[in-house]
């Protein structure tokens, strides 16, 4: 009888032990299923920035090329070739890009889409009588985060009016850049903040200066 009671006690302890551990195992499995699925869902919703950076090892270089792309398109317009400029702009910007220029006096101009911006640039260049332009980009700074990036760059632009006269502009471009479905980086939003816009003219030739001096010297009375 005592042995039977002892066996029942041992069996009871074993059942209690197994029941306790099975409960813990089931609880652990439930937590894994619950929080594991949430973790995977969160990863699916939020981009893995580190993975994106690994997938785009040349992202910074590709984004910097967009600054050069814009300069080449603008200088094509500066030569009077509007269609070439529009075609180059399409490689630099998204189709619905917003582009804004803020001038030193506080006035601004905003256009949507590259063709509209190209038409604006062309009208300004033609209205000022420019026969050629040269846009130099420098001090490029790029910050990439997943499929989006920000870039700033300095501008020094020369606009030729004649053989002796140019307009010079300096400013900063601030860009929002995105990675499109084709795996290409393009500017989605660009703002140009100009700090100056000056006209520079070369001095007159010696012959011209002599003529000006002679013209302004009053003749002595005889």
N, C-alpha and C. Protein backbone atom coordinates (compact mmCIF):
# COMPACT_ATOMS: atom_id res chain seq x y z
N UNK A 1 0.83 -1.21 0.00
CA UNK A 1 0.00 0.00 0.00
C UNK A 1 0.87 1.27 0.00
N UNK A 2 1.88 1.26 0.89
CA UNK A 2 2.76 2.42 0.95
C UNK A 2 3.51 2.63 -0.36
N UNK A 3 3.93 1.50 -0.98
CA UNK A 3 4.64 1.61 -2.25
C UNK A 3 3.72 2.21 -3.31
N UNK A 4 2.43 1.82 -3.25
CA UNK A 4 1.49 2.34 -4.23
C UNK A 4 1.32 3.85 -4.06
N UNK A 5 1.23 4.28 -2.80
CA UNK A 5 1.12 5.71 -2.55
C UNK A 5 2.37 6.46 -3.02
N UNK A 6 3.52 5.81 -2.78
CA UNK A 6 4.78 6.43 -3.21
C UNK A 6 4.85 6.58 -4.71
N UNK A 7 4.39 5.51 -5.41
CA UNK A 7 4.37 5.56 -6.89
C UNK A 7 3.43 6.65 -7.40
N UNK A 8 2.27 6.75 -6.71
CA UNK A 8 1.33 7.81 -7.11
C UNK A 8 1.94 9.19 -6.92
N UNK A 9 2.71 9.33 -5.84
CA UNK A 9 3.34 10.64 -5.59
C UNK A 9 4.38 10.97 -6.65
N UNK A 10 5.15 9.94 -7.01
CA UNK A 10 6.18 10.16 -8.05
C UNK A 10 5.52 10.52 -9.37
N UNK A 11 4.46 9.75 -9.71
CA UNK A 11 3.76 10.02 -10.98
C UNK A 11 3.16 11.41 -10.97
N UNK A 12 2.62 11.82 -9.81
CA UNK A 12 2.02 13.16 -9.70
C UNK A 12 3.06 14.25 -9.91
N UNK A 13 4.25 14.05 -9.34
CA UNK A 13 5.33 15.04 -9.50
C UNK A 13 5.78 15.12 -10.96
N UNK A 14 5.87 13.93 -11.60
CA UNK A 14 6.29 13.91 -13.01
C UNK A 14 5.28 14.65 -13.88
N UNK A 15 3.98 14.38 -13.62
CA UNK A 15 2.92 15.05 -14.40
C UNK A 15 2.96 16.55 -14.17
N UNK A 16 3.17 16.95 -12.91
CA UNK A 16 3.25 18.38 -12.59
C UNK A 16 4.45 19.02 -13.27
N UNK A 17 5.58 18.33 -13.26
CA UNK A 17 6.80 18.85 -13.90
C UNK A 17 6.60 19.04 -15.40
N UNK A 18 6.04 17.96 -16.02
CA UNK A 18 5.81 18.03 -17.48
C UNK A 18 4.80 19.10 -17.83
N UNK A 19 3.74 19.17 -17.01
CA UNK A 19 2.71 20.17 -17.27
C UNK A 19 3.28 21.58 -17.20
N UNK A 20 4.13 21.81 -16.19
CA UNK A 20 4.74 23.13 -16.03
C UNK A 20 5.62 23.49 -17.23
N UNK A 21 6.46 22.54 -17.67
CA UNK A 21 7.37 22.82 -18.77
C UNK A 21 6.63 22.92 -20.11
N UNK A 22 5.61 22.09 -20.27
CA UNK A 22 4.82 22.19 -21.51
C UNK A 22 4.15 23.56 -21.60
N UNK A 23 3.66 24.03 -20.45
CA UNK A 23 3.04 25.36 -20.43
C UNK A 23 4.04 26.44 -20.83
N UNK A 24 5.28 26.34 -20.30
CA UNK A 24 6.32 27.31 -20.65
C UNK A 24 6.65 27.24 -22.14
N UNK A 25 6.74 26.01 -22.68
CA UNK A 25 7.06 25.84 -24.10
C UNK A 25 5.97 26.44 -24.98
N UNK A 26 4.70 26.16 -24.60
CA UNK A 26 3.58 26.73 -25.37
C UNK A 26 3.57 28.24 -25.28
N UNK A 27 3.87 28.78 -24.10
CA UNK A 27 3.91 30.24 -23.92
C UNK A 27 5.01 30.86 -24.78
N UNK A 28 6.18 30.20 -24.76
CA UNK A 28 7.31 30.70 -25.57
C UNK A 28 6.97 30.67 -27.05
N UNK A 29 6.35 29.58 -27.50
CA UNK A 29 5.98 29.46 -28.91
C UNK A 29 4.97 30.53 -29.30
N UNK A 30 4.02 30.80 -28.39
CA UNK A 30 3.01 31.84 -28.66
C UNK A 30 3.66 33.21 -28.79
N UNK A 31 4.61 33.52 -27.88
CA UNK A 31 5.30 34.81 -27.94
C UNK A 31 6.10 34.96 -29.22
N UNK A 32 6.77 33.86 -29.63
CA UNK A 32 7.55 33.91 -30.87
C UNK A 32 6.65 34.18 -32.06
N UNK A 33 5.51 33.46 -32.09
CA UNK A 33 4.58 33.66 -33.21
C UNK A 33 3.99 35.06 -33.21
N UNK A 34 3.66 35.56 -32.02
CA UNK A 34 3.04 36.86 -31.92
C UNK A 34 4.00 37.99 -32.26
N UNK A 35 5.12 38.07 -31.52
CA UNK A 35 6.04 39.17 -31.71
C UNK A 35 6.92 38.99 -32.93
N UNK A 36 7.17 37.74 -33.30
CA UNK A 36 7.96 37.49 -34.50
C UNK A 36 7.25 37.98 -35.73
N UNK A 37 5.94 37.73 -35.82
CA UNK A 37 5.18 38.19 -36.98
C UNK A 37 5.10 39.70 -37.02
N UNK A 38 4.99 40.32 -35.83
CA UNK A 38 4.97 41.78 -35.79
C UNK A 38 6.29 42.36 -36.24
N UNK A 39 7.38 41.74 -35.81
CA UNK A 39 8.71 42.20 -36.21
C UNK A 39 8.90 42.13 -37.72
N UNK A 40 8.44 41.00 -38.29
CA UNK A 40 8.56 40.85 -39.74
C UNK A 40 7.68 41.86 -40.46
N UNK A 41 6.48 42.13 -39.90
CA UNK A 41 5.59 43.11 -40.51
C UNK A 41 6.19 44.49 -40.45
N UNK A 42 6.83 44.81 -39.31
CA UNK A 42 7.46 46.13 -39.18
C UNK A 42 8.58 46.29 -40.18
N UNK A 43 9.35 45.21 -40.38
CA UNK A 43 10.43 45.27 -41.35
C UNK A 43 9.90 45.42 -42.76
N UNK A 44 8.73 44.83 -43.01
CA UNK A 44 8.15 44.93 -44.35
C UNK A 44 7.65 46.33 -44.62
N UNK A 45 7.14 47.00 -43.55
CA UNK A 45 6.60 48.35 -43.73
C UNK A 45 7.72 49.37 -43.78
N UNK A 46 8.68 49.28 -42.86
CA UNK A 46 9.76 50.25 -42.79
C UNK A 46 10.96 49.76 -43.60
N UNK A 47 11.54 50.59 -44.47
CA UNK A 47 12.68 50.15 -45.26
C UNK A 47 13.90 49.86 -44.42
N UNK A 48 14.62 48.84 -44.79
CA UNK A 48 15.86 48.51 -44.11
C UNK A 48 16.96 49.37 -44.72
N UNK A 49 17.29 50.46 -44.03
CA UNK A 49 18.21 51.44 -44.60
C UNK A 49 19.60 50.86 -44.81
N UNK A 50 20.02 50.01 -43.88
CA UNK A 50 21.36 49.43 -44.02
C UNK A 50 21.41 48.52 -45.23
N UNK A 51 20.36 47.70 -45.42
CA UNK A 51 20.32 46.81 -46.58
C UNK A 51 20.27 47.61 -47.86
N UNK A 52 19.51 48.73 -47.84
CA UNK A 52 19.41 49.55 -49.04
C UNK A 52 20.76 50.15 -49.40
N UNK A 53 21.52 50.53 -48.37
CA UNK A 53 22.84 51.10 -48.63
C UNK A 53 23.77 50.07 -49.26
N UNK A 54 23.66 48.82 -48.77
CA UNK A 54 24.48 47.75 -49.32
C UNK A 54 24.09 47.48 -50.78
N UNK A 55 22.77 47.56 -51.05
CA UNK A 55 22.29 47.29 -52.41
C UNK A 55 22.66 48.41 -53.37
N UNK A 56 22.94 49.60 -52.84
CA UNK A 56 23.31 50.74 -53.66
C UNK A 56 24.69 51.27 -53.25
N UNK A 57 25.75 50.51 -53.52
CA UNK A 57 27.08 50.91 -53.05
C UNK A 57 27.59 52.19 -53.71
N UNK A 58 27.09 52.51 -54.91
CA UNK A 58 27.54 53.70 -55.62
C UNK A 58 26.50 54.81 -55.59
N UNK A 59 25.61 54.77 -54.61
CA UNK A 59 24.52 55.74 -54.55
C UNK A 59 25.03 57.17 -54.50
N UNK A 60 26.01 57.43 -53.65
CA UNK A 60 26.51 58.80 -53.49
C UNK A 60 27.09 59.33 -54.80
N UNK A 61 27.85 58.51 -55.51
CA UNK A 61 28.44 58.92 -56.78
C UNK A 61 27.35 59.17 -57.82
N UNK A 62 26.36 58.29 -57.87
CA UNK A 62 25.28 58.45 -58.85
C UNK A 62 24.49 59.73 -58.58
N UNK A 63 24.29 60.04 -57.33
CA UNK A 63 23.55 61.26 -56.97
C UNK A 63 24.35 62.50 -57.33
N UNK A 64 25.66 62.48 -57.09
CA UNK A 64 26.50 63.62 -57.44
C UNK A 64 26.47 63.91 -58.93
N UNK A 65 26.33 62.87 -59.74
CA UNK A 65 26.28 63.05 -61.19
C UNK A 65 25.07 63.87 -61.62
N UNK A 66 24.03 63.90 -60.79
CA UNK A 66 22.84 64.67 -61.13
C UNK A 66 23.14 66.17 -61.17
N UNK A 67 24.07 66.62 -60.35
CA UNK A 67 24.45 68.03 -60.36
C UNK A 67 25.09 68.39 -61.70
N UNK A 68 25.96 67.51 -62.19
CA UNK A 68 26.59 67.72 -63.49
C UNK A 68 25.56 67.63 -64.60
N UNK A 69 24.63 66.70 -64.47
CA UNK A 69 23.57 66.53 -65.46
C UNK A 69 22.81 67.83 -65.65
N UNK A 70 22.43 68.46 -64.55
CA UNK A 70 21.69 69.72 -64.63
C UNK A 70 22.51 70.82 -65.28
N UNK A 71 23.79 70.90 -64.93
CA UNK A 71 24.66 71.93 -65.51
C UNK A 71 24.75 71.78 -67.02
N UNK A 72 24.89 70.54 -67.49
CA UNK A 72 24.99 70.30 -68.93
C UNK A 72 23.69 70.66 -69.65
N UNK A 73 22.56 70.33 -69.03
CA UNK A 73 21.28 70.68 -69.63
C UNK A 73 21.08 72.18 -69.71
N UNK A 74 21.45 72.88 -68.66
CA UNK A 74 21.29 74.34 -68.63
C UNK A 74 22.20 75.01 -69.65
N UNK A 75 23.42 74.50 -69.80
CA UNK A 75 24.34 75.11 -70.77
C UNK A 75 23.92 74.81 -72.21
N UNK A 76 23.21 73.70 -72.43
CA UNK A 76 22.65 73.45 -73.76
C UNK A 76 21.61 74.52 -74.07
N UNK A 77 20.79 74.86 -73.10
CA UNK A 77 19.81 75.93 -73.27
C UNK A 77 20.53 77.27 -73.46
N UNK A 78 21.65 77.45 -72.73
CA UNK A 78 22.43 78.68 -72.87
C UNK A 78 22.98 78.86 -74.27
N UNK A 79 23.21 77.75 -74.99
CA UNK A 79 23.66 77.83 -76.39
C UNK A 79 22.50 78.04 -77.34
N UNK A 80 21.29 78.05 -76.79
CA UNK A 80 20.11 78.26 -77.63
C UNK A 80 19.42 76.97 -78.03
N UNK A 81 19.90 75.81 -77.54
CA UNK A 81 19.31 74.53 -77.92
C UNK A 81 18.34 74.08 -76.82
N UNK A 82 17.11 74.55 -76.92
CA UNK A 82 16.11 74.26 -75.90
C UNK A 82 15.76 72.78 -75.85
N UNK A 83 15.60 72.13 -76.99
CA UNK A 83 15.19 70.73 -77.01
C UNK A 83 16.25 69.82 -76.39
N UNK A 84 17.52 70.10 -76.66
CA UNK A 84 18.58 69.31 -76.05
C UNK A 84 18.57 69.48 -74.54
N UNK A 85 18.36 70.71 -74.10
CA UNK A 85 18.30 70.97 -72.67
C UNK A 85 17.16 70.21 -72.01
N UNK A 86 15.99 70.19 -72.65
CA UNK A 86 14.85 69.45 -72.11
C UNK A 86 15.16 67.96 -72.00
N UNK A 87 15.81 67.42 -73.01
CA UNK A 87 16.11 65.99 -73.01
C UNK A 87 17.08 65.64 -71.89
N UNK A 88 18.08 66.48 -71.67
CA UNK A 88 19.04 66.23 -70.60
C UNK A 88 18.37 66.36 -69.24
N UNK A 89 17.51 67.36 -69.09
CA UNK A 89 16.81 67.54 -67.81
C UNK A 89 16.01 66.29 -67.42
N UNK A 90 15.45 65.61 -68.39
CA UNK A 90 14.63 64.41 -68.09
C UNK A 90 15.47 63.30 -67.46
N UNK A 91 16.78 63.33 -67.70
CA UNK A 91 17.67 62.35 -67.08
C UNK A 91 18.04 62.74 -65.65
N UNK A 92 17.81 64.02 -65.30
CA UNK A 92 18.21 64.52 -63.98
C UNK A 92 17.07 64.51 -62.98
N UNK A 93 15.84 64.73 -63.46
CA UNK A 93 14.70 64.97 -62.58
C UNK A 93 13.60 63.94 -62.78
N UNK A 94 12.75 63.80 -61.76
CA UNK A 94 11.52 63.05 -61.92
C UNK A 94 10.57 63.87 -62.79
N UNK A 95 9.59 63.21 -63.35
CA UNK A 95 8.69 63.88 -64.29
C UNK A 95 7.92 65.02 -63.64
N UNK A 96 7.58 64.86 -62.35
CA UNK A 96 6.79 65.88 -61.65
C UNK A 96 7.63 66.73 -60.70
N UNK A 97 8.92 66.85 -60.97
CA UNK A 97 9.84 67.57 -60.07
C UNK A 97 9.40 69.02 -59.86
N UNK A 98 9.62 69.49 -58.65
CA UNK A 98 9.38 70.90 -58.33
C UNK A 98 10.74 71.61 -58.27
N UNK A 99 10.87 72.71 -59.02
CA UNK A 99 12.14 73.43 -59.11
C UNK A 99 11.88 74.90 -58.79
N UNK A 100 12.64 75.44 -57.85
CA UNK A 100 12.45 76.82 -57.40
C UNK A 100 13.77 77.57 -57.43
N UNK A 101 13.72 78.81 -57.88
CA UNK A 101 14.88 79.71 -57.81
C UNK A 101 14.50 80.90 -56.94
N UNK A 102 15.35 81.19 -55.95
CA UNK A 102 15.15 82.34 -55.08
C UNK A 102 16.26 83.34 -55.38
N UNK A 103 15.89 84.53 -55.85
CA UNK A 103 16.87 85.52 -56.30
C UNK A 103 17.34 86.39 -55.13
N UNK A 104 18.48 87.08 -55.29
CA UNK A 104 19.05 87.87 -54.19
C UNK A 104 18.08 88.91 -53.61
N UNK A 105 17.17 89.42 -54.43
CA UNK A 105 16.23 90.44 -53.93
C UNK A 105 15.02 89.83 -53.22
N UNK A 106 14.99 88.49 -53.11
CA UNK A 106 13.89 87.84 -52.42
C UNK A 106 12.81 87.30 -53.34
N UNK A 107 12.79 87.74 -54.58
CA UNK A 107 11.81 87.23 -55.54
C UNK A 107 12.11 85.76 -55.84
N UNK A 108 11.08 85.03 -56.26
CA UNK A 108 11.28 83.61 -56.53
C UNK A 108 10.44 83.16 -57.72
N UNK A 109 10.81 82.03 -58.26
CA UNK A 109 10.08 81.43 -59.38
C UNK A 109 10.06 79.92 -59.16
N UNK A 110 8.86 79.33 -59.24
CA UNK A 110 8.69 77.89 -59.06
C UNK A 110 8.00 77.31 -60.28
N UNK A 111 8.54 76.20 -60.77
CA UNK A 111 7.93 75.49 -61.89
C UNK A 111 7.82 74.01 -61.54
N UNK A 112 6.85 73.35 -62.16
CA UNK A 112 6.62 71.92 -61.95
C UNK A 112 6.85 71.18 -63.26
N UNK A 113 7.76 70.22 -63.24
CA UNK A 113 8.10 69.47 -64.45
C UNK A 113 9.29 70.09 -65.16
N UNK A 114 10.11 69.25 -65.76
CA UNK A 114 11.36 69.72 -66.37
C UNK A 114 11.12 70.58 -67.61
N UNK A 115 10.11 70.27 -68.41
CA UNK A 115 9.86 71.06 -69.61
C UNK A 115 9.48 72.49 -69.26
N UNK A 116 8.66 72.64 -68.22
CA UNK A 116 8.26 73.98 -67.79
C UNK A 116 9.46 74.77 -67.29
N UNK A 117 10.34 74.10 -66.53
CA UNK A 117 11.54 74.78 -66.04
C UNK A 117 12.47 75.15 -67.19
N UNK A 118 12.62 74.27 -68.14
CA UNK A 118 13.48 74.55 -69.31
C UNK A 118 12.95 75.75 -70.08
N UNK A 119 11.64 75.85 -70.24
CA UNK A 119 11.05 77.00 -70.94
C UNK A 119 11.33 78.29 -70.18
N UNK A 120 11.28 78.24 -68.85
CA UNK A 120 11.57 79.42 -68.04
C UNK A 120 13.03 79.84 -68.19
N UNK A 121 13.94 78.88 -68.09
CA UNK A 121 15.37 79.18 -68.24
C UNK A 121 15.64 79.77 -69.62
N UNK A 122 15.05 79.20 -70.64
CA UNK A 122 15.25 79.68 -72.01
C UNK A 122 14.76 81.11 -72.16
N UNK A 123 13.61 81.41 -71.57
CA UNK A 123 13.06 82.77 -71.70
C UNK A 123 13.96 83.79 -71.01
N UNK A 124 14.54 83.41 -69.85
CA UNK A 124 15.44 84.32 -69.13
C UNK A 124 16.72 84.54 -69.92
N UNK A 125 17.30 83.46 -70.44
CA UNK A 125 18.55 83.58 -71.19
C UNK A 125 18.37 84.39 -72.47
N UNK A 126 17.30 84.12 -73.17
CA UNK A 126 17.05 84.86 -74.40
C UNK A 126 16.72 86.32 -74.11
N UNK A 127 15.96 86.55 -73.04
CA UNK A 127 15.59 87.92 -72.68
C UNK A 127 16.79 88.76 -72.29
N UNK A 128 17.80 88.12 -71.70
CA UNK A 128 19.02 88.85 -71.31
C UNK A 128 20.06 88.90 -72.41
N UNK A 129 19.77 88.24 -73.52
CA UNK A 129 20.71 88.28 -74.65
C UNK A 129 21.94 87.41 -74.47
N UNK A 130 21.85 86.33 -73.70
CA UNK A 130 23.01 85.46 -73.50
C UNK A 130 23.28 84.64 -74.77
N UNK A 131 24.56 84.55 -75.12
CA UNK A 131 24.94 83.75 -76.28
C UNK A 131 25.58 82.43 -75.86
N UNK A 132 25.97 82.32 -74.58
CA UNK A 132 26.56 81.08 -74.04
C UNK A 132 26.56 81.17 -72.53
N UNK A 133 26.54 80.00 -71.88
CA UNK A 133 26.62 79.96 -70.42
C UNK A 133 27.55 78.83 -69.99
N UNK A 134 28.04 78.94 -68.77
CA UNK A 134 28.87 77.86 -68.21
C UNK A 134 28.56 77.76 -66.72
N UNK A 135 28.02 76.60 -66.32
CA UNK A 135 27.65 76.37 -64.93
C UNK A 135 28.64 75.40 -64.29
N UNK A 136 29.32 75.86 -63.25
CA UNK A 136 30.28 75.04 -62.52
C UNK A 136 29.68 74.65 -61.17
N UNK A 137 29.73 73.34 -60.86
CA UNK A 137 29.18 72.82 -59.62
C UNK A 137 30.32 72.35 -58.71
N UNK A 138 30.20 72.64 -57.41
CA UNK A 138 31.25 72.23 -56.48
C UNK A 138 30.73 72.06 -55.07
N UNK A 139 31.62 71.62 -54.17
CA UNK A 139 31.30 71.40 -52.76
C UNK A 139 30.04 70.56 -52.60
N UNK A 140 29.99 69.45 -53.33
CA UNK A 140 28.82 68.57 -53.27
C UNK A 140 28.80 67.79 -51.96
N UNK A 141 27.65 67.80 -51.31
CA UNK A 141 27.47 67.09 -50.06
C UNK A 141 26.21 66.22 -50.16
N UNK A 142 26.37 64.91 -50.00
CA UNK A 142 25.26 63.97 -50.19
C UNK A 142 25.04 63.16 -48.92
N UNK A 143 23.77 63.01 -48.54
CA UNK A 143 23.39 62.17 -47.41
C UNK A 143 22.31 61.20 -47.87
N UNK A 144 22.63 59.89 -47.84
CA UNK A 144 21.73 58.86 -48.35
C UNK A 144 21.07 58.13 -47.19
N UNK A 145 19.77 57.94 -47.29
CA UNK A 145 19.03 57.17 -46.28
C UNK A 145 18.00 56.32 -47.01
N UNK A 146 18.36 55.06 -47.21
CA UNK A 146 17.46 54.16 -47.92
C UNK A 146 17.30 54.56 -49.37
N UNK A 147 16.04 54.72 -49.80
CA UNK A 147 15.76 55.09 -51.19
C UNK A 147 15.57 56.58 -51.36
N UNK A 148 16.03 57.36 -50.37
CA UNK A 148 15.94 58.82 -50.45
C UNK A 148 17.28 59.43 -50.06
N UNK A 149 17.50 60.64 -50.55
CA UNK A 149 18.77 61.31 -50.25
C UNK A 149 18.58 62.81 -50.32
N UNK A 150 19.53 63.51 -49.71
CA UNK A 150 19.57 64.96 -49.80
C UNK A 150 20.95 65.35 -50.33
N UNK A 151 20.98 66.37 -51.17
CA UNK A 151 22.25 66.85 -51.74
C UNK A 151 22.25 68.37 -51.75
N UNK A 152 23.39 68.94 -51.41
CA UNK A 152 23.60 70.37 -51.57
C UNK A 152 24.85 70.58 -52.41
N UNK A 153 24.86 71.66 -53.20
CA UNK A 153 26.01 71.93 -54.07
C UNK A 153 26.10 73.43 -54.31
N UNK A 154 27.34 73.89 -54.51
CA UNK A 154 27.58 75.31 -54.77
C UNK A 154 27.57 75.57 -56.27
N UNK A 155 27.06 76.72 -56.64
CA UNK A 155 26.98 77.13 -58.05
C UNK A 155 27.85 78.35 -58.32
N UNK A 156 28.60 78.28 -59.41
CA UNK A 156 29.25 79.46 -59.98
C UNK A 156 28.93 79.44 -61.47
N UNK A 157 28.13 80.40 -61.91
CA UNK A 157 27.65 80.39 -63.30
C UNK A 157 28.07 81.66 -64.03
N UNK A 158 28.53 81.47 -65.27
CA UNK A 158 28.92 82.58 -66.13
C UNK A 158 27.96 82.63 -67.31
N UNK A 159 27.42 83.82 -67.58
CA UNK A 159 26.48 84.02 -68.68
C UNK A 159 27.06 85.08 -69.61
N UNK A 160 27.39 84.67 -70.81
CA UNK A 160 28.07 85.58 -71.75
C UNK A 160 27.05 86.44 -72.50
N UNK A 161 27.24 87.77 -72.39
CA UNK A 161 26.41 88.71 -73.13
C UNK A 161 27.08 89.12 -74.44
N UNK A 162 28.38 89.37 -74.35
CA UNK A 162 29.15 89.79 -75.53
C UNK A 162 30.61 89.45 -75.27
N UNK A 163 31.48 89.89 -76.15
CA UNK A 163 32.90 89.62 -75.98
C UNK A 163 33.50 90.37 -74.80
N UNK A 164 32.81 91.38 -74.29
CA UNK A 164 33.35 92.19 -73.20
C UNK A 164 32.43 92.26 -71.98
N UNK A 165 31.35 91.47 -71.97
CA UNK A 165 30.40 91.58 -70.87
C UNK A 165 29.82 90.21 -70.50
N UNK A 166 29.83 89.91 -69.19
CA UNK A 166 29.25 88.67 -68.69
C UNK A 166 28.44 88.96 -67.42
N UNK A 167 27.46 88.11 -67.15
CA UNK A 167 26.76 88.11 -65.87
C UNK A 167 27.24 86.90 -65.07
N UNK A 168 27.52 87.10 -63.79
CA UNK A 168 28.02 86.03 -62.93
C UNK A 168 27.04 85.81 -61.79
N UNK A 169 26.70 84.55 -61.56
CA UNK A 169 25.78 84.20 -60.47
C UNK A 169 26.43 83.18 -59.55
N UNK A 170 26.18 83.32 -58.25
CA UNK A 170 26.66 82.36 -57.26
C UNK A 170 25.51 82.01 -56.31
N UNK A 171 25.47 80.75 -55.91
CA UNK A 171 24.39 80.33 -55.01
C UNK A 171 24.55 78.88 -54.59
N UNK A 172 23.51 78.36 -53.97
CA UNK A 172 23.51 76.99 -53.47
C UNK A 172 22.25 76.26 -53.92
N UNK A 173 22.44 75.05 -54.43
CA UNK A 173 21.32 74.18 -54.76
C UNK A 173 21.07 73.25 -53.58
N UNK A 174 19.81 73.07 -53.21
CA UNK A 174 19.41 72.11 -52.19
C UNK A 174 18.41 71.15 -52.81
N UNK A 175 18.74 69.85 -52.82
CA UNK A 175 17.94 68.86 -53.55
C UNK A 175 17.41 67.74 -52.66
N UNK A 176 16.19 67.32 -52.97
CA UNK A 176 15.65 66.06 -52.46
C UNK A 176 15.71 65.06 -53.61
N UNK A 177 16.34 63.92 -53.36
CA UNK A 177 16.58 62.92 -54.42
C UNK A 177 15.91 61.61 -54.02
N UNK A 178 15.33 60.92 -55.00
CA UNK A 178 14.68 59.64 -54.72
C UNK A 178 15.18 58.58 -55.71
N UNK A 179 15.07 57.32 -55.29
CA UNK A 179 15.42 56.19 -56.13
C UNK A 179 14.13 55.68 -56.77
N UNK A 180 14.05 55.76 -58.12
CA UNK A 180 12.80 55.37 -58.78
C UNK A 180 12.73 53.87 -59.00
N UNK A 181 11.64 53.42 -59.61
CA UNK A 181 11.40 51.98 -59.78
C UNK A 181 12.42 51.33 -60.70
N UNK A 182 13.04 52.11 -61.56
CA UNK A 182 14.04 51.58 -62.48
C UNK A 182 15.43 51.52 -61.86
N UNK A 183 15.53 51.85 -60.57
CA UNK A 183 16.82 51.80 -59.89
C UNK A 183 17.71 52.99 -60.20
N UNK A 184 17.11 54.11 -60.64
CA UNK A 184 17.89 55.30 -60.97
C UNK A 184 17.55 56.42 -60.00
N UNK A 185 18.58 57.13 -59.57
CA UNK A 185 18.38 58.28 -58.69
C UNK A 185 17.99 59.48 -59.52
N UNK A 186 17.01 60.24 -59.04
CA UNK A 186 16.59 61.46 -59.73
C UNK A 186 16.18 62.52 -58.71
N UNK A 187 16.37 63.77 -59.10
CA UNK A 187 15.99 64.89 -58.23
C UNK A 187 14.48 65.07 -58.29
N UNK A 188 13.86 65.12 -57.10
CA UNK A 188 12.41 65.30 -57.03
C UNK A 188 12.03 66.72 -56.64
N UNK A 189 12.94 67.38 -55.94
CA UNK A 189 12.67 68.75 -55.50
C UNK A 189 14.01 69.49 -55.44
N UNK A 190 14.08 70.64 -56.12
CA UNK A 190 15.33 71.42 -56.14
C UNK A 190 15.03 72.88 -55.85
N UNK A 191 15.85 73.46 -54.97
CA UNK A 191 15.75 74.89 -54.66
C UNK A 191 17.11 75.54 -54.85
N UNK A 192 17.14 76.59 -55.65
CA UNK A 192 18.37 77.37 -55.86
C UNK A 192 18.25 78.67 -55.07
N UNK A 193 19.21 78.90 -54.17
CA UNK A 193 19.26 80.15 -53.41
C UNK A 193 20.46 80.96 -53.89
N UNK A 194 20.19 81.99 -54.67
CA UNK A 194 21.26 82.83 -55.21
C UNK A 194 21.69 83.86 -54.18
N UNK A 195 23.00 84.06 -54.07
CA UNK A 195 23.53 85.07 -53.15
C UNK A 195 23.97 86.33 -53.88
N UNK A 196 24.22 86.21 -55.19
CA UNK A 196 24.54 87.41 -55.98
C UNK A 196 24.29 87.14 -57.46
N UNK A 197 24.15 88.23 -58.20
CA UNK A 197 23.98 88.16 -59.65
C UNK A 197 24.54 89.47 -60.19
N UNK A 198 25.76 89.41 -60.71
CA UNK A 198 26.50 90.63 -61.05
C UNK A 198 26.87 90.66 -62.53
N UNK A 199 26.97 91.89 -63.05
CA UNK A 199 27.47 92.07 -64.41
C UNK A 199 28.93 92.52 -64.34
N UNK A 200 29.77 91.86 -65.13
CA UNK A 200 31.18 92.23 -65.21
C UNK A 200 31.51 92.57 -66.65
N UNK A 201 32.20 93.68 -66.83
CA UNK A 201 32.59 94.11 -68.18
C UNK A 201 34.07 94.40 -68.21
N UNK A 202 34.72 94.05 -69.29
CA UNK A 202 36.16 94.30 -69.43
C UNK A 202 36.37 95.76 -69.76
N UNK A 203 37.53 96.32 -69.38
CA UNK A 203 37.80 97.73 -69.68
C UNK A 203 37.94 97.95 -71.17
N UNK A 204 37.74 99.18 -71.57
CA UNK A 204 37.83 99.51 -72.99
C UNK A 204 39.27 99.39 -73.48
N UNK A 205 39.46 99.18 -74.77
CA UNK A 205 40.79 99.08 -75.36
C UNK A 205 41.46 100.44 -75.32
N UNK A 206 42.82 100.50 -75.43
CA UNK A 206 43.53 101.78 -75.41
C UNK A 206 42.99 102.77 -76.44
N UNK A 207 42.67 102.28 -77.63
CA UNK A 207 42.16 103.17 -78.67
C UNK A 207 40.83 103.77 -78.26
N UNK A 208 39.98 102.92 -77.67
CA UNK A 208 38.68 103.40 -77.25
C UNK A 208 38.81 104.39 -76.10
N UNK A 209 39.76 104.13 -75.18
CA UNK A 209 39.95 105.05 -74.06
C UNK A 209 40.44 106.40 -74.56
N UNK A 210 41.34 106.40 -75.54
CA UNK A 210 41.85 107.66 -76.09
C UNK A 210 40.74 108.45 -76.72
N UNK A 211 39.88 107.75 -77.42
CA UNK A 211 38.77 108.42 -78.09
C UNK A 211 37.83 109.03 -77.05
N UNK A 212 37.60 108.29 -75.92
CA UNK A 212 36.72 108.80 -74.88
C UNK A 212 37.32 110.02 -74.21
N UNK A 213 38.65 109.97 -73.93
CA UNK A 213 39.31 111.11 -73.30
C UNK A 213 39.27 112.33 -74.20
N UNK A 214 39.58 112.12 -75.49
CA UNK A 214 39.58 113.23 -76.44
C UNK A 214 38.18 113.83 -76.57
N UNK A 215 37.18 112.96 -76.46
CA UNK A 215 35.82 113.43 -76.60
C UNK A 215 35.41 114.31 -75.45
N UNK A 216 35.96 114.07 -74.26
CA UNK A 216 35.53 114.79 -73.09
C UNK A 216 36.46 115.95 -72.70
N UNK A 217 37.59 116.14 -73.43
CA UNK A 217 38.49 117.26 -73.12
C UNK A 217 38.02 118.50 -73.88
N UNK A 218 37.64 119.53 -73.19
CA UNK A 218 37.18 120.75 -73.89
C UNK A 218 38.32 121.40 -74.64
N UNK A 219 38.04 121.95 -75.80
CA UNK A 219 39.06 122.63 -76.60
C UNK A 219 39.37 124.00 -76.01
N UNK A 220 40.64 124.34 -76.08
CA UNK A 220 41.08 125.61 -75.55
C UNK A 220 40.66 126.73 -76.50
N UNK A 221 40.26 127.87 -75.94
CA UNK A 221 39.90 129.01 -76.77
C UNK A 221 41.16 129.67 -77.31
N UNK A 222 41.08 130.06 -78.54
CA UNK A 222 42.24 130.73 -79.15
C UNK A 222 42.10 132.24 -78.99
